[in-house]
Amino acid sequence: MKIGLLSDTHGHLDDKVFTYFKDCDEIWHAGDIGNIEVTDKLKAFKPLKCVYGNIDGGDARKEFPENLRFDCEGMNVLITHIGGKPYVYTKNIREELNDNPPDIFVCGHSHILKVQYDKRLNFLYLNPGAAGIHGFHKVKTLLRFEITAGSIKDMEVIELGKRA
């Protein structure tokens, strides 16, 4: 299964997302959607798995959960918006990570793209950075990868261009 991963759109959806994710089977959004029109466009394009973020209002919070756990091609995935970073996870998710670690942990919020294996809890940490135009990041980023038979391959960092 080919996955397109983004976060922190903050109400802005770059048209290049549709080009880069055209061959994806699913899109995952790690929160701070900004407005529901962003997820409506993504859902019309591809199946979407999404969580709400700290800036998201009632519409997003009614439609999407704060945390989402599911299985994908033999891998357990946990997505949340505010999750911290490897070895320094936020209080709201730390207990779940320690008690029931996923194979893949996805979060956003920091606007810093990071892919790192957590050797202590044995999972892959993914933060796609920020795809929107609001925040301190300088370049809009996405991740694209494939999950097949319990393994991840062909991980790609995609730069959409400068933030503003």
C-alpha atoms as a PDB file:
ATOM      1  CA  MET A   1       0.000   0.000   0.000  1.00  0.00           C
ATOM      2  CA  LYS A   2       1.385   3.387  -0.998  1.00  0.00           C
ATOM      3  CA  ILE A   3       0.895   6.122   1.617  1.00  0.00           C
ATOM      4  CA  GLY A   4       1.057   9.896   1.322  1.00  0.00           C
ATOM      5  CA  LEU A   5       1.644  11.562   4.701  1.00  0.00           C
ATOM      6  CA  LEU A   6       1.191  15.237   5.542  1.00  0.00           C
ATOM      7  CA  SER A   7       0.507  17.441   8.535  1.00  0.00           C
ATOM      8  CA  ASP A   8       0.001  21.033   9.579  1.00  0.00           C
ATOM      9  CA  THR A   9      -1.784  22.291   6.484  1.00  0.00           C
ATOM     10  CA  HIS A  10      -3.323  25.089   8.570  1.00  0.00           C
ATOM     11  CA  GLY A  11      -6.037  25.666   5.957  1.00  0.00           C
ATOM     12  CA  HIS A  12      -3.709  25.638   2.937  1.00  0.00           C
ATOM     13  CA  LEU A  13      -3.556  22.676   0.554  1.00  0.00           C
ATOM     14  CA  ASP A  14      -0.844  23.042  -2.087  1.00  0.00           C
ATOM     15  CA  ASP A  15      -2.016  21.710  -5.476  1.00  0.00           C
ATOM     16  CA  LYS A  16       1.287  19.809  -5.782  1.00  0.00           C
ATOM     17  CA  VAL A  17      -0.007  17.409  -3.098  1.00  0.00           C
ATOM     18  CA  PHE A  18      -2.338  15.920  -5.703  1.00  0.00           C
ATOM     19  CA  THR A  19       0.536  15.352  -8.114  1.00  0.00           C
ATOM     20  CA  TYR A  20       2.823  13.758  -5.538  1.00  0.00           C
ATOM     21  CA  PHE A  21       0.057  11.616  -4.040  1.00  0.00           C
ATOM     22  CA  LYS A  22      -1.596  10.553  -7.328  1.00  0.00           C
ATOM     23  CA  ASP A  23      -0.238   6.999  -7.094  1.00  0.00           C
ATOM     24  CA  CYS A  24      -0.939   6.653  -3.363  1.00  0.00           C
ATOM     25  CA  ASP A  25      -3.594   4.277  -2.073  1.00  0.00           C
ATOM     26  CA  GLU A  26      -4.254   6.331   1.078  1.00  0.00           C
ATOM     27  CA  ILE A  27      -3.457   9.740   2.518  1.00  0.00           C
ATOM     28  CA  TRP A  28      -2.729  10.184   6.224  1.00  0.00           C
ATOM     29  CA  HIS A  29      -3.031  13.655   7.796  1.00  0.00           C
ATOM     30  CA  ALA A  30      -1.470  14.170  11.241  1.00  0.00           C
ATOM     31  CA  GLY A  31      -3.560  17.156  12.315  1.00  0.00           C
ATOM     32  CA  ASP A  32      -3.770  20.937  12.305  1.00  0.00           C
ATOM     33  CA  ILE A  33      -5.994  20.697   9.270  1.00  0.00           C
ATOM     34  CA  GLY A  34      -7.037  24.340   9.517  1.00  0.00           C
ATOM     35  CA  ASN A  35     -10.414  24.011   7.842  1.00  0.00           C
ATOM     36  CA  ILE A  36     -12.603  21.128   6.801  1.00  0.00           C
ATOM     37  CA  GLU A  37     -12.329  22.045   3.103  1.00  0.00           C
ATOM     38  CA  VAL A  38      -8.772  20.678   3.190  1.00  0.00           C
ATOM     39  CA  THR A  39      -9.903  17.225   4.284  1.00  0.00           C
ATOM     40  CA  ASP A  40     -12.949  17.343   1.976  1.00  0.00           C
ATOM     41  CA  LYS A  41     -10.595  17.804  -0.996  1.00  0.00           C
ATOM     42  CA  LEU A  42      -8.295  15.045   0.217  1.00  0.00           C
ATOM     43  CA  LYS A  43     -11.214  12.636   0.807  1.00  0.00           C
ATOM     44  CA  ALA A  44     -12.555  13.337  -2.684  1.00  0.00           C
ATOM     45  CA  PHE A  45      -9.121  12.437  -4.081  1.00  0.00           C
ATOM     46  CA  LYS A  46      -8.072   9.356  -2.039  1.00  0.00           C
ATOM     47  CA  PRO A  47      -9.128   7.454   1.096  1.00  0.00           C
ATOM     48  CA  LEU A  48      -8.095   9.551   4.111  1.00  0.00           C
ATOM     49  CA  LYS A  49      -7.051   8.718   7.642  1.00  0.00           C
ATOM     50  CA  CYS A  50      -6.822  11.865   9.767  1.00  0.00           C
ATOM     51  CA  VAL A  51      -6.637  13.216  13.313  1.00  0.00           C
ATOM     52  CA  TYR A  52      -7.438  16.704  14.527  1.00  0.00           C
ATOM     53  CA  GLY A  53      -4.780  19.041  15.856  1.00  0.00           C
ATOM     54  CA  ASN A  54      -4.656  21.768  18.476  1.00  0.00           C
ATOM     55  CA  ILE A  55      -5.749  24.541  16.078  1.00  0.00           C
ATOM     56  CA  ASP A  56      -8.698  22.594  14.678  1.00  0.00           C
ATOM     57  CA  GLY A  57     -12.238  23.628  15.533  1.00  0.00           C
ATOM     58  CA  GLY A  58     -15.473  21.790  16.135  1.00  0.00           C
ATOM     59  CA  ASP A  59     -16.024  20.566  12.572  1.00  0.00           C
ATOM     60  CA  ALA A  60     -12.716  18.693  12.489  1.00  0.00           C
ATOM     61  CA  ARG A  61     -13.083  17.449  16.072  1.00  0.00           C
ATOM     62  CA  LYS A  62     -16.523  16.000  15.266  1.00  0.00           C
ATOM     63  CA  GLU A  63     -15.268  14.206  12.173  1.00  0.00           C
ATOM     64  CA  PHE A  64     -11.796  13.053  13.239  1.00  0.00           C
ATOM     65  CA  PRO A  65     -10.371  11.583  16.464  1.00  0.00           C
ATOM     66  CA  GLU A  66      -7.485  12.940  18.536  1.00  0.00           C
ATOM     67  CA  ASN A  67      -5.667   9.590  18.253  1.00  0.00           C
ATOM     68  CA  LEU A  68      -6.123   6.975  15.565  1.00  0.00           C
ATOM     69  CA  ARG A  69      -4.811   3.416  15.761  1.00  0.00           C
ATOM     70  CA  PHE A  70      -5.224   0.945  12.907  1.00  0.00           C
ATOM     71  CA  ASP A  71      -3.483  -1.862  11.038  1.00  0.00           C
ATOM     72  CA  CYS A  72      -2.024  -1.385   7.570  1.00  0.00           C
ATOM     73  CA  GLU A  73      -0.487  -4.281   5.634  1.00  0.00           C
ATOM     74  CA  GLY A  74       0.597  -6.106   8.783  1.00  0.00           C
ATOM     75  CA  MET A  75       1.830  -3.026  10.664  1.00  0.00           C
ATOM     76  CA  ASN A  76       0.130  -1.343  13.608  1.00  0.00           C
ATOM     77  CA  VAL A  77      -0.034   2.441  13.165  1.00  0.00           C
ATOM     78  CA  LEU A  78      -0.759   5.160  15.734  1.00  0.00           C
ATOM     79  CA  ILE A  79      -1.381   8.736  14.594  1.00  0.00           C
ATOM     80  CA  THR A  80      -1.778  11.775  16.850  1.00  0.00           C
ATOM     81  CA  HIS A  81      -1.011  15.446  16.373  1.00  0.00           C
ATOM     82  CA  ILE A  82       1.053  16.360  19.431  1.00  0.00           C
ATOM     83  CA  GLY A  83       3.334  13.437  20.203  1.00  0.00           C
ATOM     84  CA  GLY A  84       6.764  14.845  20.952  1.00  0.00           C
ATOM     85  CA  LYS A  85       9.840  13.281  19.432  1.00  0.00           C
ATOM     86  CA  PRO A  86      11.807  10.065  19.886  1.00  0.00           C
ATOM     87  CA  TYR A  87      12.652   9.432  23.526  1.00  0.00           C
ATOM     88  CA  VAL A  88      10.837  12.628  24.613  1.00  0.00           C
ATOM     89  CA  TYR A  89       7.167  11.881  23.994  1.00  0.00           C
ATOM     90  CA  THR A  90       4.401  14.087  25.313  1.00  0.00           C
ATOM     91  CA  LYS A  91       2.530  13.115  28.456  1.00  0.00           C
ATOM     92  CA  ASN A  92      -0.752  12.608  26.586  1.00  0.00           C
ATOM     93  CA  ILE A  93       0.638   9.719  24.486  1.00  0.00           C
ATOM     94  CA  ARG A  94       3.643   8.422  26.464  1.00  0.00           C
ATOM     95  CA  GLU A  95       1.719   5.818  28.468  1.00  0.00           C
ATOM     96  CA  GLU A  96       0.110   4.307  25.374  1.00  0.00           C
ATOM     97  CA  LEU A  97       3.464   4.169  23.572  1.00  0.00           C
ATOM     98  CA  ASN A  98       5.094   2.442  26.535  1.00  0.00           C
ATOM     99  CA  ASP A  99       2.224   0.023  27.227  1.00  0.00           C
ATOM    100  CA  ASN A 100       1.334  -0.839  23.634  1.00  0.00           C
ATOM    101  CA  PRO A 101       3.936   0.444  21.176  1.00  0.00           C
ATOM    102  CA  PRO A 102       2.844   0.574  17.531  1.00  0.00           C
ATOM    103  CA  ASP A 103       5.064  -0.394  14.603  1.00  0.00           C
ATOM    104  CA  ILE A 104       4.728   3.133  13.207  1.00  0.00           C
ATOM    105  CA  PHE A 105       4.098   6.261  15.282  1.00  0.00           C
ATOM    106  CA  VAL A 106       3.022   9.345  13.311  1.00  0.00           C
ATOM    107  CA  CYS A 107       2.640  12.853  14.641  1.00  0.00           C
ATOM    108  CA  GLY A 108       2.875  16.443  13.475  1.00  0.00           C
ATOM    109  CA  HIS A 109       2.804  19.755  15.380  1.00  0.00           C
ATOM    110  CA  SER A 110       6.536  20.561  15.412  1.00  0.00           C
ATOM    111  CA  HIS A 111       6.690  21.601  11.723  1.00  0.00           C
ATOM    112  CA  ILE A 112      10.013  19.719  11.675  1.00  0.00           C
ATOM    113  CA  LEU A 113      10.275  16.743   9.340  1.00  0.00           C
ATOM    114  CA  LYS A 114      11.781  13.784  11.182  1.00  0.00           C
ATOM    115  CA  VAL A 115      12.044  10.078  10.431  1.00  0.00           C
ATOM    116  CA  GLN A 116      13.748   8.067  13.172  1.00  0.00           C
ATOM    117  CA  TYR A 117      13.659   4.574  14.567  1.00  0.00           C
ATOM    118  CA  ASP A 118      13.017   4.478  18.308  1.00  0.00           C
ATOM    119  CA  LYS A 119      15.319   1.661  19.465  1.00  0.00           C
ATOM    120  CA  ARG A 120      13.935   1.686  22.999  1.00  0.00           C
ATOM    121  CA  LEU A 121      10.297   1.099  22.020  1.00  0.00           C
ATOM    122  CA  ASN A 122      11.025  -0.535  18.651  1.00  0.00           C
ATOM    123  CA  PHE A 123       8.925   1.565  16.301  1.00  0.00           C
ATOM    124  CA  LEU A 124       9.423   3.958  13.416  1.00  0.00           C
ATOM    125  CA  TYR A 125       8.678   7.591  14.257  1.00  0.00           C
ATOM    126  CA  LEU A 126       7.373   9.715  11.383  1.00  0.00           C
ATOM    127  CA  ASN A 127       6.714  13.449  11.378  1.00  0.00           C
ATOM    128  CA  PRO A 128       6.158  14.815   7.863  1.00  0.00           C
ATOM    129  CA  GLY A 129       6.892  18.412   8.839  1.00  0.00           C
ATOM    130  CA  ALA A 130       4.396  21.039   7.683  1.00  0.00           C
ATOM    131  CA  ALA A 131       2.606  21.215   4.331  1.00  0.00           C
ATOM    132  CA  GLY A 132       0.934  24.580   4.956  1.00  0.00           C
ATOM    133  CA  ILE A 133       2.082  28.183   4.767  1.00  0.00           C
ATOM    134  CA  HIS A 134       1.679  29.147   8.443  1.00  0.00           C
ATOM    135  CA  GLY A 135       4.418  28.521  10.998  1.00  0.00           C
ATOM    136  CA  PHE A 136       8.161  28.891  11.308  1.00  0.00           C
ATOM    137  CA  HIS A 137       9.181  26.195   8.810  1.00  0.00           C
ATOM    138  CA  LYS A 138      10.889  27.460   5.661  1.00  0.00           C
ATOM    139  CA  VAL A 139       9.983  24.623   3.253  1.00  0.00           C
ATOM    140  CA  LYS A 140       6.662  22.761   2.927  1.00  0.00           C
ATOM    141  CA  THR A 141       7.239  19.008   3.225  1.00  0.00           C
ATOM    142  CA  LEU A 142       5.484  15.648   2.811  1.00  0.00           C
ATOM    143  CA  LEU A 143       6.440  11.997   3.166  1.00  0.00           C
ATOM    144  CA  ARG A 144       5.572   9.206   0.761  1.00  0.00           C
ATOM    145  CA  PHE A 145       6.291   5.517   1.350  1.00  0.00           C
ATOM    146  CA  GLU A 146       5.055   1.998   0.808  1.00  0.00           C
ATOM    147  CA  ILE A 147       3.968  -0.596   3.366  1.00  0.00           C
ATOM    148  CA  THR A 148       4.079  -4.185   2.167  1.00  0.00           C
ATOM    149  CA  ALA A 149       3.801  -7.391   4.183  1.00  0.00           C
ATOM    150  CA  GLY A 150       4.809  -5.789   7.485  1.00  0.00           C
ATOM    151  CA  SER A 151       7.662  -3.618   6.235  1.00  0.00           C
ATOM    152  CA  ILE A 152       8.155  -0.065   5.033  1.00  0.00           C
ATOM    153  CA  LYS A 153      10.105   0.690   1.895  1.00  0.00           C
ATOM    154  CA  ASP A 154      10.766   3.479  -0.591  1.00  0.00           C
ATOM    155  CA  MET A 155      10.502   6.302   1.971  1.00  0.00           C
ATOM    156  CA  GLU A 156      10.648   9.660   0.177  1.00  0.00           C
ATOM    157  CA  VAL A 157      10.884  13.202   1.521  1.00  0.00           C
ATOM    158  CA  ILE A 158       9.061  15.606  -0.775  1.00  0.00           C
ATOM    159  CA  GLU A 159       9.654  19.345  -0.711  1.00  0.00           C
ATOM    160  CA  LEU A 160       6.783  21.428  -2.088  1.00  0.00           C
ATOM    161  CA  GLY A 161       8.729  24.679  -2.103  1.00  0.00           C
ATOM    162  CA  LYS A 162       9.104  27.642   0.203  1.00  0.00           C
ATOM    163  CA  ARG A 163       6.488  28.285   2.842  1.00  0.00           C
ATOM    164  CA  ALA A 164       5.409  31.712   1.607  1.00  0.00           C
END
